[in-house]
Amino acid sequence: MTTHVREVTDGTTRVFTWEEGSRIEVRNLGGEIVIEANAAGLKTLAGHLLTLAQDGTPDGAHLHLEAHNGLEEGSVGLVLERCDDE
């Protein structure tokens, strides 16, 4: 079973999917951020990034991941955001 989240931005619906059994943990080690995930978690993150990269996705579209919202307990928050400005 997978979990789908639909987000509507500027009238365009984006679907973010979590693979069954995905586990994603984000840790802040001071000078670096570590994203640790199992295979399902890596596929989930890759899918989220591909969703944000779709044609027609507006600049500034983003997804918040936090503990109890896609990440393992104890994880620091992670925001995936599209930014087309150079």
PDB file of N, CA and C in Angstrom:
ATOM      1  N   MET A   1       0.842  -1.188   0.000  1.00  0.00           N
ATOM      2  CA  MET A   1       0.000   0.000   0.000  1.00  0.00           C
ATOM      3  C   MET A   1       0.876   1.236   0.000  1.00  0.00           C
ATOM      4  N   THR A   2       0.488   2.240  -0.728  1.00  0.00           N
ATOM      5  CA  THR A   2       1.199   3.504  -0.739  1.00  0.00           C
ATOM      6  C   THR A   2       0.278   4.602  -0.229  1.00  0.00           C
ATOM      7  N   THR A   3       0.877   5.690   0.203  1.00  0.00           N
ATOM      8  CA  THR A   3       0.124   6.837   0.685  1.00  0.00           C
ATOM      9  C   THR A   3       0.299   7.968  -0.309  1.00  0.00           C
ATOM     10  N   HIS A   4      -0.796   8.630  -0.663  1.00  0.00           N
ATOM     11  CA  HIS A   4      -0.758   9.741  -1.608  1.00  0.00           C
ATOM     12  C   HIS A   4      -1.215  11.016  -0.914  1.00  0.00           C
ATOM     13  N   VAL A   5      -0.506  12.109  -1.179  1.00  0.00           N
ATOM     14  CA  VAL A   5      -0.908  13.419  -0.688  1.00  0.00           C
ATOM     15  C   VAL A   5      -1.055  14.313  -1.906  1.00  0.00           C
ATOM     16  N   ARG A   6      -2.193  14.954  -2.028  1.00  0.00           N
ATOM     17  CA  ARG A   6      -2.437  15.855  -3.151  1.00  0.00           C
ATOM     18  C   ARG A   6      -2.277  17.290  -2.672  1.00  0.00           C
ATOM     19  N   GLU A   7      -1.546  18.055  -3.446  1.00  0.00           N
ATOM     20  CA  GLU A   7      -1.362  19.476  -3.147  1.00  0.00           C
ATOM     21  C   GLU A   7      -1.745  20.262  -4.381  1.00  0.00           C
ATOM     22  N   VAL A   8      -2.535  21.286  -4.203  1.00  0.00           N
ATOM     23  CA  VAL A   8      -2.943  22.129  -5.321  1.00  0.00           C
ATOM     24  C   VAL A   8      -2.226  23.467  -5.196  1.00  0.00           C
ATOM     25  N   THR A   9      -1.450  23.802  -6.218  1.00  0.00           N
ATOM     26  CA  THR A   9      -0.727  25.068  -6.264  1.00  0.00           C
ATOM     27  C   THR A   9      -1.044  25.737  -7.589  1.00  0.00           C
ATOM     28  N   ASP A  10      -1.535  26.944  -7.546  1.00  0.00           N
ATOM     29  CA  ASP A  10      -1.893  27.676  -8.766  1.00  0.00           C
ATOM     30  C   ASP A  10      -2.810  26.855  -9.661  1.00  0.00           C
ATOM     31  N   GLY A  11      -3.748  26.123  -9.055  1.00  0.00           N
ATOM     32  CA  GLY A  11      -4.706  25.353  -9.828  1.00  0.00           C
ATOM     33  C   GLY A  11      -4.181  24.037 -10.366  1.00  0.00           C
ATOM     34  N   THR A  12      -2.919  23.698 -10.087  1.00  0.00           N
ATOM     35  CA  THR A  12      -2.327  22.460 -10.566  1.00  0.00           C
ATOM     36  C   THR A  12      -2.190  21.489  -9.398  1.00  0.00           C
ATOM     37  N   THR A  13      -2.683  20.277  -9.564  1.00  0.00           N
ATOM     38  CA  THR A  13      -2.603  19.273  -8.508  1.00  0.00           C
ATOM     39  C   THR A  13      -1.316  18.472  -8.652  1.00  0.00           C
ATOM     40  N   ARG A  14      -0.592  18.346  -7.580  1.00  0.00           N
ATOM     41  CA  ARG A  14       0.613  17.521  -7.520  1.00  0.00           C
ATOM     42  C   ARG A  14       0.333  16.397  -6.529  1.00  0.00           C
ATOM     43  N   VAL A  15       0.746  15.186  -6.858  1.00  0.00           N
ATOM     44  CA  VAL A  15       0.537  14.039  -5.981  1.00  0.00           C
ATOM     45  C   VAL A  15       1.900  13.580  -5.461  1.00  0.00           C
ATOM     46  N   PHE A  16       2.049  13.592  -4.152  1.00  0.00           N
ATOM     47  CA  PHE A  16       3.261  13.099  -3.495  1.00  0.00           C
ATOM     48  C   PHE A  16       2.945  11.725  -2.923  1.00  0.00           C
ATOM     49  N   THR A  17       3.766  10.732  -3.247  1.00  0.00           N
ATOM     50  CA  THR A  17       3.500   9.349  -2.877  1.00  0.00           C
ATOM     51  C   THR A  17       4.587   8.821  -1.947  1.00  0.00           C
ATOM     52  N   TRP A  18       4.141   8.138  -0.897  1.00  0.00           N
ATOM     53  CA  TRP A  18       5.054   7.451   0.008  1.00  0.00           C
ATOM     54  C   TRP A  18       4.968   5.959  -0.281  1.00  0.00           C
ATOM     55  N   GLU A  19       6.117   5.331  -0.540  1.00  0.00           N
ATOM     56  CA  GLU A  19       6.164   3.895  -0.766  1.00  0.00           C
ATOM     57  C   GLU A  19       5.880   3.160   0.546  1.00  0.00           C
ATOM     58  N   GLU A  20       5.247   2.020   0.449  1.00  0.00           N
ATOM     59  CA  GLU A  20       4.960   1.214   1.632  1.00  0.00           C
ATOM     60  C   GLU A  20       6.273   0.838   2.329  1.00  0.00           C
ATOM     61  N   GLY A  21       6.295   0.988   3.632  1.00  0.00           N
ATOM     62  CA  GLY A  21       7.467   0.612   4.420  1.00  0.00           C
ATOM     63  C   GLY A  21       8.594   1.616   4.374  1.00  0.00           C
ATOM     64  N   SER A  22       8.356   2.802   3.799  1.00  0.00           N
ATOM     65  CA  SER A  22       9.441   3.781   3.708  1.00  0.00           C
ATOM     66  C   SER A  22       9.844   4.273   5.093  1.00  0.00           C
ATOM     67  N   ARG A  23      11.136   4.450   5.255  1.00  0.00           N
ATOM     68  CA  ARG A  23      11.689   4.978   6.494  1.00  0.00           C
ATOM     69  C   ARG A  23      12.715   6.030   6.105  1.00  0.00           C
ATOM     70  N   ILE A  24      12.512   7.251   6.597  1.00  0.00           N
ATOM     71  CA  ILE A  24      13.408   8.366   6.292  1.00  0.00           C
ATOM     72  C   ILE A  24      13.723   9.081   7.592  1.00  0.00           C
ATOM     73  N   GLU A  25      15.001   9.272   7.851  1.00  0.00           N
ATOM     74  CA  GLU A  25      15.432  10.008   9.038  1.00  0.00           C
ATOM     75  C   GLU A  25      16.383  11.114   8.594  1.00  0.00           C
ATOM     76  N   VAL A  26      16.201  12.305   9.150  1.00  0.00           N
ATOM     77  CA  VAL A  26      17.066  13.445   8.833  1.00  0.00           C
ATOM     78  C   VAL A  26      17.716  13.901  10.133  1.00  0.00           C
ATOM     79  N   ARG A  27      19.057  13.965  10.109  1.00  0.00           N
ATOM     80  CA  ARG A  27      19.808  14.381  11.296  1.00  0.00           C
ATOM     81  C   ARG A  27      20.699  15.567  10.953  1.00  0.00           C
ATOM     82  N   ASN A  28      20.791  16.489  11.880  1.00  0.00           N
ATOM     83  CA  ASN A  28      21.683  17.646  11.760  1.00  0.00           C
ATOM     84  C   ASN A  28      22.900  17.357  12.620  1.00  0.00           C
ATOM     85  N   LEU A  29      24.051  17.171  11.993  1.00  0.00           N
ATOM     86  CA  LEU A  29      25.283  16.866  12.710  1.00  0.00           C
ATOM     87  C   LEU A  29      26.152  18.104  12.895  1.00  0.00           C
ATOM     88  N   GLY A  30      25.556  19.260  12.832  1.00  0.00           N
ATOM     89  CA  GLY A  30      26.302  20.500  12.993  1.00  0.00           C
ATOM     90  C   GLY A  30      26.765  21.037  11.663  1.00  0.00           C
ATOM     91  N   GLY A  31      27.807  20.464  11.115  1.00  0.00           N
ATOM     92  CA  GLY A  31      28.359  20.944   9.850  1.00  0.00           C
ATOM     93  C   GLY A  31      27.783  20.259   8.630  1.00  0.00           C
ATOM     94  N   GLU A  32      26.939  19.252   8.843  1.00  0.00           N
ATOM     95  CA  GLU A  32      26.333  18.563   7.705  1.00  0.00           C
ATOM     96  C   GLU A  32      24.991  17.956   8.098  1.00  0.00           C
ATOM     97  N   ILE A  33      24.166  17.751   7.085  1.00  0.00           N
ATOM     98  CA  ILE A  33      22.863  17.128   7.259  1.00  0.00           C
ATOM     99  C   ILE A  33      22.961  15.716   6.694  1.00  0.00           C
ATOM    100  N   VAL A  34      22.447  14.743   7.441  1.00  0.00           N
ATOM    101  CA  VAL A  34      22.438  13.356   6.985  1.00  0.00           C
ATOM    102  C   VAL A  34      20.994  12.940   6.748  1.00  0.00           C
ATOM    103  N   ILE A  35      20.730  12.436   5.549  1.00  0.00           N
ATOM    104  CA  ILE A  35      19.432  11.857   5.233  1.00  0.00           C
ATOM    105  C   ILE A  35      19.672  10.358   5.106  1.00  0.00           C
ATOM    106  N   GLU A  36      19.083   9.611   6.026  1.00  0.00           N
ATOM    107  CA  GLU A  36      19.249   8.164   6.051  1.00  0.00           C
ATOM    108  C   GLU A  36      17.895   7.535   5.732  1.00  0.00           C
ATOM    109  N   ALA A  37      17.872   6.626   4.771  1.00  0.00           N
ATOM    110  CA  ALA A  37      16.606   6.028   4.365  1.00  0.00           C
ATOM    111  C   ALA A  37      16.816   4.612   3.867  1.00  0.00           C
ATOM    112  N   ASN A  38      15.774   3.799   4.015  1.00  0.00           N
ATOM    113  CA  ASN A  38      15.810   2.479   3.402  1.00  0.00           C
ATOM    114  C   ASN A  38      15.468   2.637   1.916  1.00  0.00           C
ATOM    115  N   ALA A  39      15.449   1.523   1.171  1.00  0.00           N
ATOM    116  CA  ALA A  39      15.196   1.604  -0.276  1.00  0.00           C
ATOM    117  C   ALA A  39      13.851   2.265  -0.576  1.00  0.00           C
ATOM    118  N   ALA A  40      12.814   1.896   0.179  1.00  0.00           N
ATOM    119  CA  ALA A  40      11.497   2.499  -0.043  1.00  0.00           C
ATOM    120  C   ALA A  40      11.523   3.989   0.263  1.00  0.00           C
ATOM    121  N   GLY A  41      12.271   4.392   1.285  1.00  0.00           N
ATOM    122  CA  GLY A  41      12.393   5.805   1.627  1.00  0.00           C
ATOM    123  C   GLY A  41      13.125   6.589   0.554  1.00  0.00           C
ATOM    124  N   LEU A  42      14.179   5.998  -0.008  1.00  0.00           N
ATOM    125  CA  LEU A  42      14.907   6.668  -1.094  1.00  0.00           C
ATOM    126  C   LEU A  42      14.022   6.832  -2.327  1.00  0.00           C
ATOM    127  N   LYS A  43      13.224   5.808  -2.642  1.00  0.00           N
ATOM    128  CA  LYS A  43      12.287   5.917  -3.769  1.00  0.00           C
ATOM    129  C   LYS A  43      11.244   7.003  -3.494  1.00  0.00           C
ATOM    130  N   THR A  44      10.806   7.099  -2.250  1.00  0.00           N
ATOM    131  CA  THR A  44       9.840   8.128  -1.869  1.00  0.00           C
ATOM    132  C   THR A  44      10.429   9.514  -2.075  1.00  0.00           C
ATOM    133  N   LEU A  45      11.648   9.746  -1.576  1.00  0.00           N
ATOM    134  CA  LEU A  45      12.299  11.056  -1.751  1.00  0.00           C
ATOM    135  C   LEU A  45      12.519  11.375  -3.219  1.00  0.00           C
ATOM    136  N   ALA A  46      12.967  10.387  -3.992  1.00  0.00           N
ATOM    137  CA  ALA A  46      13.178  10.598  -5.425  1.00  0.00           C
ATOM    138  C   ALA A  46      11.868  10.989  -6.106  1.00  0.00           C
ATOM    139  N   GLY A  47      10.791  10.335  -5.731  1.00  0.00           N
ATOM    140  CA  GLY A  47       9.481  10.666  -6.298  1.00  0.00           C
ATOM    141  C   GLY A  47       9.038  12.073  -5.945  1.00  0.00           C
ATOM    142  N   HIS A  48       9.290  12.482  -4.693  1.00  0.00           N
ATOM    143  CA  HIS A  48       8.935  13.845  -4.280  1.00  0.00           C
ATOM    144  C   HIS A  48       9.696  14.869  -5.116  1.00  0.00           C
ATOM    145  N   LEU A  49      10.988  14.631  -5.319  1.00  0.00           N
ATOM    146  CA  LEU A  49      11.801  15.562  -6.104  1.00  0.00           C
ATOM    147  C   LEU A  49      11.345  15.600  -7.560  1.00  0.00           C
ATOM    148  N   LEU A  50      11.022  14.443  -8.125  1.00  0.00           N
ATOM    149  CA  LEU A  50      10.520  14.411  -9.504  1.00  0.00           C
ATOM    150  C   LEU A  50       9.178  15.126  -9.628  1.00  0.00           C
ATOM    151  N   THR A  51       8.337  15.002  -8.611  1.00  0.00           N
ATOM    152  CA  THR A  51       7.053  15.708  -8.625  1.00  0.00           C
ATOM    153  C   THR A  51       7.288  17.212  -8.651  1.00  0.00           C
ATOM    154  N   LEU A  52       8.202  17.702  -7.822  1.00  0.00           N
ATOM    155  CA  LEU A  52       8.498  19.138  -7.802  1.00  0.00           C
ATOM    156  C   LEU A  52       9.157  19.601  -9.103  1.00  0.00           C
ATOM    157  N   ALA A  53       9.834  18.692  -9.804  1.00  0.00           N
ATOM    158  CA  ALA A  53      10.524  19.052 -11.048  1.00  0.00           C
ATOM    159  C   ALA A  53       9.613  19.023 -12.272  1.00  0.00           C
ATOM    160  N   GLN A  54       8.364  18.583 -12.120  1.00  0.00           N
ATOM    161  CA  GLN A  54       7.449  18.495 -13.266  1.00  0.00           C
ATOM    162  C   GLN A  54       7.236  19.854 -13.926  1.00  0.00           C
ATOM    163  N   ASP A  55       7.088  19.814 -15.248  1.00  0.00           N
ATOM    164  CA  ASP A  55       6.742  21.027 -15.990  1.00  0.00           C
ATOM    165  C   ASP A  55       5.456  21.604 -15.425  1.00  0.00           C
ATOM    166  N   GLY A  56       5.406  22.900 -15.314  1.00  0.00           N
ATOM    167  CA  GLY A  56       4.221  23.575 -14.821  1.00  0.00           C
ATOM    168  C   GLY A  56       4.188  23.756 -13.322  1.00  0.00           C
ATOM    169  N   THR A  57       5.133  23.146 -12.605  1.00  0.00           N
ATOM    170  CA  THR A  57       5.188  23.349 -11.159  1.00  0.00           C
ATOM    171  C   THR A  57       5.754  24.737 -10.906  1.00  0.00           C
ATOM    172  N   PRO A  58       5.038  25.563 -10.165  1.00  0.00           N
ATOM    173  CA  PRO A  58       5.483  26.946  -9.984  1.00  0.00           C
ATOM    174  C   PRO A  58       6.682  27.083  -9.061  1.00  0.00           C
ATOM    175  N   ASP A  59       7.443  28.130  -9.298  1.00  0.00           N
ATOM    176  CA  ASP A  59       8.548  28.499  -8.425  1.00  0.00           C
ATOM    177  C   ASP A  59       8.007  28.652  -7.003  1.00  0.00           C
ATOM    178  N   GLY A  60       8.703  28.105  -6.040  1.00  0.00           N
ATOM    179  CA  GLY A  60       8.282  28.218  -4.646  1.00  0.00           C
ATOM    180  C   GLY A  60       7.415  27.073  -4.162  1.00  0.00           C
ATOM    181  N   ALA A  61       6.975  26.182  -5.066  1.00  0.00           N
ATOM    182  CA  ALA A  61       6.217  25.008  -4.619  1.00  0.00           C
ATOM    183  C   ALA A  61       7.115  24.195  -3.698  1.00  0.00           C
ATOM    184  N   HIS A  62       6.554  23.695  -2.618  1.00  0.00           N
ATOM    185  CA  HIS A  62       7.387  22.989  -1.648  1.00  0.00           C
ATOM    186  C   HIS A  62       6.592  21.951  -0.868  1.00  0.00           C
ATOM    187  N   LEU A  63       7.330  21.097  -0.181  1.00  0.00           N
ATOM    188  CA  LEU A  63       6.753  20.046   0.644  1.00  0.00           C
ATOM    189  C   LEU A  63       7.520  20.014   1.957  1.00  0.00           C
ATOM    190  N   HIS A  64       6.787  20.077   3.069  1.00  0.00           N
ATOM    191  CA  HIS A  64       7.396  19.994   4.402  1.00  0.00           C
ATOM    192  C   HIS A  64       7.352  18.552   4.881  1.00  0.00           C
ATOM    193  N   LEU A  65       8.495  18.041   5.315  1.00  0.00           N
ATOM    194  CA  LEU A  65       8.571  16.723   5.927  1.00  0.00           C
ATOM    195  C   LEU A  65       9.058  16.906   7.361  1.00  0.00           C
ATOM    196  N   GLU A  66       8.375  16.262   8.290  1.00  0.00           N
ATOM    197  CA  GLU A  66       8.712  16.380   9.706  1.00  0.00           C
ATOM    198  C   GLU A  66       8.452  15.039  10.374  1.00  0.00           C
ATOM    199  N   ALA A  67       8.894  14.897  11.633  1.00  0.00           N
ATOM    200  CA  ALA A  67       8.550  13.708  12.396  1.00  0.00           C
ATOM    201  C   ALA A  67       7.028  13.619  12.443  1.00  0.00           C
ATOM    202  N   HIS A  68       6.491  12.448  12.272  1.00  0.00           N
ATOM    203  CA  HIS A  68       5.044  12.189  12.222  1.00  0.00           C
ATOM    204  C   HIS A  68       4.413  12.735  10.947  1.00  0.00           C
ATOM    205  N   ASN A  69       5.203  13.238  10.013  1.00  0.00           N
ATOM    206  CA  ASN A  69       4.699  13.692   8.723  1.00  0.00           C
ATOM    207  C   ASN A  69       5.705  13.269   7.655  1.00  0.00           C
ATOM    208  N   GLY A  70       5.985  11.964   7.614  1.00  0.00           N
ATOM    209  CA  GLY A  70       6.880  11.424   6.602  1.00  0.00           C
ATOM    210  C   GLY A  70       8.260  11.061   7.086  1.00  0.00           C
ATOM    211  N   LEU A  71       8.682  11.598   8.234  1.00  0.00           N
ATOM    212  CA  LEU A  71      10.018  11.309   8.759  1.00  0.00           C
ATOM    213  C   LEU A  71       9.932  10.531  10.065  1.00  0.00           C
ATOM    214  N   GLU A  72      11.017   9.857  10.397  1.00  0.00           N
ATOM    215  CA  GLU A  72      11.097   9.106  11.639  1.00  0.00           C
ATOM    216  C   GLU A  72      11.104  10.042  12.848  1.00  0.00           C
ATOM    217  N   GLU A  73      10.638   9.536  13.964  1.00  0.00           N
ATOM    218  CA  GLU A  73      10.661  10.277  15.230  1.00  0.00           C
ATOM    219  C   GLU A  73      12.092  10.722  15.526  1.00  0.00           C
ATOM    220  N   GLY A  74      12.254  11.956  15.971  1.00  0.00           N
ATOM    221  CA  GLY A  74      13.567  12.503  16.292  1.00  0.00           C
ATOM    222  C   GLY A  74      14.265  13.188  15.129  1.00  0.00           C
ATOM    223  N   SER A  75      13.668  13.120  13.947  1.00  0.00           N
ATOM    224  CA  SER A  75      14.252  13.766  12.774  1.00  0.00           C
ATOM    225  C   SER A  75      14.085  15.275  12.855  1.00  0.00           C
ATOM    226  N   VAL A  76      15.030  15.994  12.248  1.00  0.00           N
ATOM    227  CA  VAL A  76      14.839  17.432  12.073  1.00  0.00           C
ATOM    228  C   VAL A  76      13.992  17.624  10.819  1.00  0.00           C
ATOM    229  N   GLY A  77      13.283  18.733  10.742  1.00  0.00           N
ATOM    230  CA  GLY A  77      12.422  19.007   9.601  1.00  0.00           C
ATOM    231  C   GLY A  77      13.216  19.161   8.314  1.00  0.00           C
ATOM    232  N   LEU A  78      12.574  18.830   7.214  1.00  0.00           N
ATOM    233  CA  LEU A  78      13.178  18.943   5.899  1.00  0.00           C
ATOM    234  C   LEU A  78      12.150  19.565   4.963  1.00  0.00           C
ATOM    235  N   VAL A  79      12.557  20.589   4.221  1.00  0.00           N
ATOM    236  CA  VAL A  79      11.689  21.219   3.240  1.00  0.00           C
ATOM    237  C   VAL A  79      12.302  21.006   1.877  1.00  0.00           C
ATOM    238  N   LEU A  80      11.516  20.439   0.963  1.00  0.00           N
ATOM    239  CA  LEU A  80      11.918  20.292  -0.436  1.00  0.00           C
ATOM    240  C   LEU A  80      11.211  21.394  -1.197  1.00  0.00           C
ATOM    241  N   GLU A  81      11.950  22.283  -1.834  1.00  0.00           N
ATOM    242  CA  GLU A  81      11.353  23.443  -2.491  1.00  0.00           C
ATOM    243  C   GLU A  81      11.934  23.645  -3.876  1.00  0.00           C
ATOM    244  N   ARG A  82      11.053  23.978  -4.801  1.00  0.00           N
ATOM    245  CA  ARG A  82      11.484  24.326  -6.159  1.00  0.00           C
ATOM    246  C   ARG A  82      11.829  25.804  -6.197  1.00  0.00           C
ATOM    247  N   CYS A  83      12.986  26.108  -6.763  1.00  0.00           N
ATOM    248  CA  CYS A  83      13.412  27.500  -6.921  1.00  0.00           C
ATOM    249  C   CYS A  83      14.071  27.642  -8.283  1.00  0.00           C
ATOM    250  N   ASP A  84      13.396  28.327  -9.198  1.00  0.00           N
ATOM    251  CA  ASP A  84      13.923  28.481 -10.550  1.00  0.00           C
ATOM    252  C   ASP A  84      14.734  29.757 -10.714  1.00  0.00           C
ATOM    253  N   ASP A  85      14.768  30.601  -9.686  1.00  0.00           N
ATOM    254  CA  ASP A  85      15.584  31.809  -9.751  1.00  0.00           C
ATOM    255  C   ASP A  85      17.054  31.433  -9.683  1.00  0.00           C
ATOM    256  N   GLU A  86      17.866  32.158 -10.419  1.00  0.00           N
ATOM    257  CA  GLU A  86      19.310  31.887 -10.395  1.00  0.00           C
ATOM    258  C   GLU A  86      20.003  32.823  -9.467  1.00  0.00           C
TER     259      GLU A  86
END
